[in-house]
Each structure stands twice: as structure tokens, then as C-alpha cells.
Protein backbone atom coordinates (compact mmCIF):
# COMPACT_ATOMS: atom_id res chain seq x y z
CA MET A 1 -52.87 -9.37 86.03
CA ALA A 2 -49.37 -10.69 86.72
CA ARG A 3 -48.93 -11.56 83.04
CA ARG A 4 -50.04 -8.09 81.98
CA ARG A 5 -47.52 -6.48 84.32
CA GLU A 6 -44.76 -8.74 83.08
CA THR A 7 -45.65 -7.69 79.52
CA ALA A 8 -45.38 -4.04 80.57
CA ARG A 9 -41.78 -4.69 81.57
CA ILE A 10 -40.74 -5.98 78.14
CA ARG A 11 -42.81 -4.04 75.62
CA HIS A 12 -40.71 -0.89 75.30
CA PRO A 13 -38.13 -0.13 72.55
CA ARG A 14 -35.11 -0.38 74.85
CA HIS A 15 -35.66 -4.09 75.45
CA GLY A 16 -33.45 -6.03 73.07
CA ARG A 17 -32.20 -2.68 71.68
CA ARG A 18 -34.92 -2.91 69.02
CA GLY A 19 -34.98 0.83 68.47
CA GLU A 20 -37.93 3.10 67.84
CA ALA A 21 -39.95 2.60 64.66
CA ARG A 22 -39.02 4.92 61.78
CA LEU A 23 -42.53 5.21 60.28
CA PRO A 24 -44.13 7.69 62.74
CA ALA A 25 -41.35 10.24 62.19
CA VAL A 26 -41.62 9.86 58.42
CA VAL A 27 -45.40 10.34 58.55
CA ALA A 28 -45.02 13.43 60.76
CA THR A 29 -42.37 14.93 58.48
CA VAL A 30 -44.32 14.26 55.28
CA THR A 31 -47.43 15.75 56.88
CA ALA A 32 -45.52 18.94 57.73
CA ILE A 33 -44.19 19.11 54.17
CA GLY A 34 -47.69 18.65 52.77
CA LEU A 35 -49.11 21.38 55.01
CA TYR A 36 -46.41 23.77 53.81
CA LEU A 37 -47.11 22.95 50.15
CA ALA A 38 -50.78 23.76 50.66
CA LEU A 39 -50.15 27.25 52.07
CA PRO A 40 -51.27 30.30 50.05
CA GLN A 41 -48.52 31.85 47.93
CA GLN A 42 -48.37 35.03 50.02
CA LEU A 43 -47.15 33.00 53.02
CA LEU A 44 -44.18 31.46 51.21
CA ILE A 45 -40.71 33.01 51.36
CA THR A 46 -39.35 30.92 48.47
CA PRO A 47 -40.83 29.30 45.35
CA ARG A 48 -43.32 26.69 46.54
CA PHE A 49 -41.22 23.55 46.00
CA VAL A 50 -37.79 24.79 47.14
CA LEU A 51 -38.08 24.10 50.88
CA PRO A 52 -40.07 20.86 50.47
CA ALA A 53 -37.45 19.58 48.00
CA LEU A 54 -34.69 20.39 50.49
CA GLU A 55 -36.60 18.65 53.28
CA VAL A 56 -37.12 15.53 51.17
CA ALA A 57 -33.42 15.57 50.28
CA LEU A 58 -32.59 15.57 54.00
CA LEU A 59 -35.20 12.93 54.85
CA LEU A 60 -34.20 10.30 52.27
CA PRO A 61 -30.69 9.58 53.61
CA LEU A 62 -32.12 9.38 57.14
CA ILE A 63 -34.53 6.69 55.94
CA ALA A 64 -31.67 4.91 54.15
CA ILE A 65 -29.55 4.82 57.32
CA ASN A 66 -32.41 3.50 59.49
CA PRO A 67 -35.15 2.26 57.16
CA ARG A 68 -37.32 0.43 59.71
CA ARG A 69 -36.01 1.07 63.22
CA LEU A 70 -33.74 3.73 64.66
CA THR A 71 -30.73 1.71 65.78
CA ARG A 72 -27.74 3.33 64.04
CA GLN A 73 -26.39 6.80 64.63
CA SER A 74 -23.40 8.79 63.44
CA ARG A 75 -22.44 12.43 63.49
CA THR A 76 -23.75 12.78 59.93
CA PHE A 77 -27.06 11.24 60.97
CA ARG A 78 -27.45 13.73 63.83
CA VAL A 79 -26.55 16.70 61.62
CA LEU A 80 -29.07 15.65 58.96
CA SER A 81 -31.79 15.01 61.54
CA ILE A 82 -31.43 18.36 63.25
CA ALA A 83 -31.02 20.18 59.92
CA LEU A 84 -34.31 18.69 58.75
CA VAL A 85 -36.14 19.91 61.85
CA LEU A 86 -34.56 23.36 61.60
CA THR A 87 -35.54 23.66 57.92
CA ILE A 88 -39.18 22.80 58.64
CA ALA A 89 -39.19 25.16 61.62
CA ALA A 90 -37.67 28.04 59.64
CA GLY A 91 -40.23 27.72 56.87
CA ASN A 92 -43.13 27.56 59.31
CA LEU A 93 -41.98 30.46 61.48
CA ALA A 94 -41.51 32.56 58.35
CA ALA A 95 -45.03 31.61 57.24
CA LEU A 96 -46.29 32.58 60.70
CA GLY A 97 -44.66 36.00 60.41
CA LEU A 98 -46.22 36.58 56.99
CA LEU A 99 -49.55 35.29 58.28
CA ILE A 100 -49.53 37.79 61.14
CA ASP A 101 -48.73 40.57 58.68
CA GLN A 102 -51.65 39.50 56.49
CA LEU A 103 -54.12 39.10 59.34
CA VAL A 104 -53.51 42.54 60.82
CA HIS A 105 -54.35 44.24 57.50
CA ALA A 106 -58.10 44.76 57.24
CA GLU A 107 -57.97 45.14 53.46
CA VAL A 108 -57.17 41.45 52.96
CA ALA A 109 -59.88 40.15 50.67
CA ASP A 110 -59.85 36.39 51.27
CA GLY A 111 -59.91 36.21 55.06
CA ARG A 112 -61.30 32.67 55.14
CA ALA A 113 -58.33 31.34 53.18
CA LEU A 114 -56.01 32.94 55.70
CA LEU A 115 -57.90 31.32 58.58
CA ILE A 116 -57.40 27.93 56.97
CA ALA A 117 -53.73 28.79 56.45
CA ALA A 118 -53.48 29.69 60.13
CA LEU A 119 -54.71 26.21 61.03
CA GLN A 120 -52.05 24.73 58.73
CA VAL A 121 -49.33 26.82 60.40
CA TRP A 122 -50.59 25.85 63.86
CA LEU A 123 -50.60 22.14 63.02
CA THR A 124 -47.12 22.38 61.53
CA ASN A 125 -46.00 24.18 64.67
CA ILE A 126 -47.15 21.19 66.74
CA ILE A 127 -45.36 18.71 64.46
CA VAL A 128 -42.07 20.55 64.17
CA PHE A 129 -41.70 21.25 67.89
CA GLY A 130 -42.66 17.66 68.66
CA LEU A 131 -39.90 16.54 66.30
CA ALA A 132 -37.47 18.99 67.91
CA TYR A 133 -38.16 17.69 71.42
CA TRP A 134 -37.86 14.11 70.11
CA GLU A 135 -34.51 14.82 68.45
CA LEU A 136 -32.92 16.64 71.39
CA ASP A 137 -34.08 14.90 74.57
CA ARG A 138 -31.51 12.50 76.10
CA GLY A 139 -29.37 12.46 72.97
CA GLY A 140 -32.12 11.65 70.46
CA PRO A 141 -34.19 8.59 69.54
CA VAL A 142 -31.23 6.31 68.79
CA ALA A 143 -29.36 7.08 72.00
CA ARG A 144 -32.48 6.64 74.13
CA THR A 145 -32.87 3.00 73.08
CA GLN A 146 -29.32 1.93 72.28
CA GLN A 147 -27.29 3.33 75.18
CA PRO A 148 -27.40 2.19 78.81
CA ARG A 149 -29.31 4.63 81.00
CA ASP A 150 -26.22 5.60 82.98
CA GLU A 151 -24.52 6.71 79.73
CA LEU A 152 -27.37 8.84 78.39
CA PRO A 153 -27.03 12.64 78.26
CA LEU A 154 -29.04 14.58 80.81
CA ALA A 155 -32.77 14.62 80.16
CA ASP A 156 -34.40 17.72 78.70
CA PHE A 157 -37.87 16.62 79.87
CA ARG A 158 -39.24 14.83 82.91
CA PHE A 159 -42.19 12.60 82.06
CA SER A 160 -44.61 11.27 84.65
CA GLN A 161 -43.28 7.74 84.02
CA ASP A 162 -39.87 8.93 85.27
CA GLU A 163 -41.19 9.38 88.79
CA ASN A 164 -43.98 6.81 89.13
CA ASP A 165 -41.91 3.97 90.56
CA ASP A 166 -43.21 4.63 94.08
CA ALA A 167 -46.89 4.78 93.07
CA VAL A 168 -49.45 2.00 93.39
CA GLY A 169 -48.53 -1.25 91.67
CA GLU A 170 -50.57 -0.86 88.50
CA VAL A 171 -48.95 2.55 87.92
CA ALA A 172 -45.44 1.70 89.12
CA ASP A 173 -45.21 -1.32 86.82
CA GLY A 174 -45.19 1.04 83.82
CA ALA A 175 -42.64 3.45 85.24
CA SER A 176 -39.24 4.04 83.65
CA LYS A 177 -37.38 2.41 86.52
CA GLU A 178 -39.51 -0.74 86.51
CA SER A 179 -40.29 -1.29 82.81
CA ASP A 180 -37.29 0.52 81.23
CA TRP A 181 -39.79 2.87 79.57
CA VAL A 182 -38.50 5.58 77.24
CA PRO A 183 -40.51 8.29 75.46
CA THR A 184 -41.25 7.90 71.75
CA LEU A 185 -42.30 10.42 69.11
CA LEU A 186 -45.96 10.22 70.12
CA ASP A 187 -45.04 11.24 73.67
CA TYR A 188 -43.21 14.33 72.38
CA LEU A 189 -46.05 15.18 70.00
CA TYR A 190 -48.40 15.04 72.98
CA VAL A 191 -46.13 17.47 74.84
CA SER A 192 -46.21 19.71 71.77
CA VAL A 193 -50.02 19.57 71.54
CA THR A 194 -50.53 20.47 75.20
CA ASN A 195 -47.97 23.28 74.99
CA SER A 196 -49.77 24.71 71.93
CA THR A 197 -53.18 24.58 73.59
CA ALA A 198 -52.48 25.29 77.27
CA PHE A 199 -49.49 27.56 76.43
CA SER A 200 -47.58 25.95 79.31
CA PRO A 201 -46.25 22.56 80.45
CA THR A 202 -48.86 20.12 81.73
CA ASP A 203 -47.69 16.70 82.94
CA THR A 204 -44.22 16.88 81.34
CA MET A 205 -41.74 19.39 82.71
CA PRO A 206 -38.85 21.02 80.80
CA LEU A 207 -35.58 20.63 82.70
CA THR A 208 -32.92 22.33 80.59
CA THR A 209 -32.57 25.88 79.33
CA ARG A 210 -32.93 24.81 75.70
CA ALA A 211 -36.11 22.87 76.44
CA LYS A 212 -37.60 25.85 78.26
CA LEU A 213 -36.59 28.17 75.41
CA LEU A 214 -38.16 25.92 72.77
CA MET A 215 -41.37 25.58 74.75
CA ALA A 216 -41.50 29.35 75.25
CA ILE A 217 -41.08 30.00 71.52
CA GLN A 218 -43.76 27.45 70.70
CA SER A 219 -46.19 28.87 73.26
CA VAL A 220 -45.75 32.45 72.02
CA ALA A 221 -46.17 31.36 68.38
CA ALA A 222 -49.31 29.35 69.19
CA LEU A 223 -50.76 32.15 71.31
CA ALA A 224 -50.12 34.77 68.62
CA THR A 225 -51.75 32.57 65.99
CA SER A 226 -54.76 31.84 68.18
CA LEU A 227 -55.39 35.46 69.19
CA LEU A 228 -55.06 36.83 65.68
CA VAL A 229 -57.21 34.07 64.18
CA ILE A 230 -59.95 34.69 66.75
CA ALA A 231 -59.83 38.42 66.11
CA ARG A 232 -59.92 37.92 62.36
CA ALA A 233 -62.73 35.38 62.58
CA VAL A 234 -64.86 37.80 64.58
CA SER A 235 -64.17 40.45 61.94
CA ILE A 236 -65.18 38.11 59.11
CA LEU A 237 -68.34 36.93 60.84
CA HIS A 238 -69.42 40.54 61.35
């Protein structure tokens, strides 16, 4: 038990300034690009490969700067990272708007294809907002692991690990204060999933205005998609 707790104190990315792994973010981004490419033509605002090509062009230099672990950051890196997230978000929100327009018209012939497209938009919504939270909170993934805690920007989110240091031992040993824990992409994707299904924060609380605004936009988008898909599905089944 003591060995396991000691391991908990040294297993997080901040220890040794190892940095967060690059691969999960690449997989998430490529998945979002693939979901966009698979959308029906009527949900695209540009020729099919324009936005994906732009997103790949933004992703490649980010991989080149930090190919394996996120340890280096510059102003250019931050601009490229945020531009990539904004590009994916813009394409998906535009697809959502077109999807809503299609779903509210009863004369749409291929309703089942639109229901599948709605699932693609919903999944992309989860990915892109997860990436947005990951990029913004506490200065981004590089700052969270490379800077001392007292030099980090103010947190946008409060995770349960941030306040568990006074809990029972087996919980407190994994808290931020005890183990130097920091959130990774999977933690932000979890926040995004719960916000898209519960339409509200669950165990992670938004602290800043921008975090609350992003979560509100995501909740409204997910709710609109869910309600319209359910209504359309009932129409198709009848």
C-alpha cells in the first residue's frame, strides 16, 4: 500500500517536467477531421477538403515542435494551437446550423443519413470543446507541466483532485497538492462528455467567465442536437 501511494506521487507529467504525451491530442484532432470529412455534402460550408487541409496544415507544425511530449512552447505554438481548435469548432458549428435547418424541414428525403450526421456533429462537439478546455486551462498543456504551480495562470476549471488533500488517505494521496497532479487531455474530454450529456457541470466546476461561456455554448449545441434528433427519429419511425 505504501509503495502504491509513493508511486501515485511520482506518476504525473509534472514530475521531471516530462510533459504531456502528444499522441492523444493528435488522435483526437484526426478523429474530428475524419468525422467532418464523412459529413453529407449539404452540411459543408466549403468544398469537402478545404477545412481538413487547413487543419492538417496547422497540426503538422505543432507535431514538429513537440513530436512526442509537450515540453516546448512559444507564442507561435500557442497561436497555431488555438487557431486549430477554432477552425475545427467553426466547421462543426456551421455543420450544426445546417443540420438544424435540414432537420426542421419535413420534406428531407434521407432522414436516416441526417441522424447519422447528427451523431458525427455531436461527437465532434465533444472533441473540439475538450480540446478547447485543454488548450485554455492554466495556460495550456505545456505551461501546466513545465511551470511551477505558483507561476501558472489562474485555473479555468476546478477538478476534484484540486480539493481532495484533506480527504481520507487513499484519496488524498492522489490529490494535486500531494501528488502534483495536473489534468491531461482525457480529463478535459471527460468534462466535455459530461457537459454534452448532462448539459451542466458535474464533478468539475468552471471558474472563469470564458470557461462558463464555452460550457454554455457546448450545452446549448448538444441540447439542440439531441432534441431535434429525437424529434426527427420519432418522425422517421412513424
